[in-house]
Amino acid sequence: MQESENDKLAKSLLKKAMGYTVNEVVEEYVQEEDDLKLVKKKITTKHIPPDISAARALLEKCLDTEMDEIKNLSDEELESLRQELIQNLGGGAKCK
């Protein structure tokens, strides 16, 4: 079953709102005759922190809150709502 664009967008928005971890791979090669030889490979794990703007967008989408109400919230209030939303979504449920 193919995901709709809205589902992909919702998953991406949730991932960005919650933060995520990514592995970054850097490989170094040297020329050896006609071939390239891998001489160094470095894997770094990076944590991408939660994004408050994504949380705001998710709150607007999931909670059907009016735009004016959300725009007037402080960062602390948004962070509190983000934490509540993460708990309510169970860390990965889809928004409708």
Foldseek 3Di string as FASTA:
>chain_A
DDDDPVQVVQQVLLCQQAWDKDKDKDWDWDDDPPDIDTDDIDIDIDIGHGDLVSLLVNCCQQVVDDPVVSVPDDSVVSVVVSVVVCVVCVNGNGGD
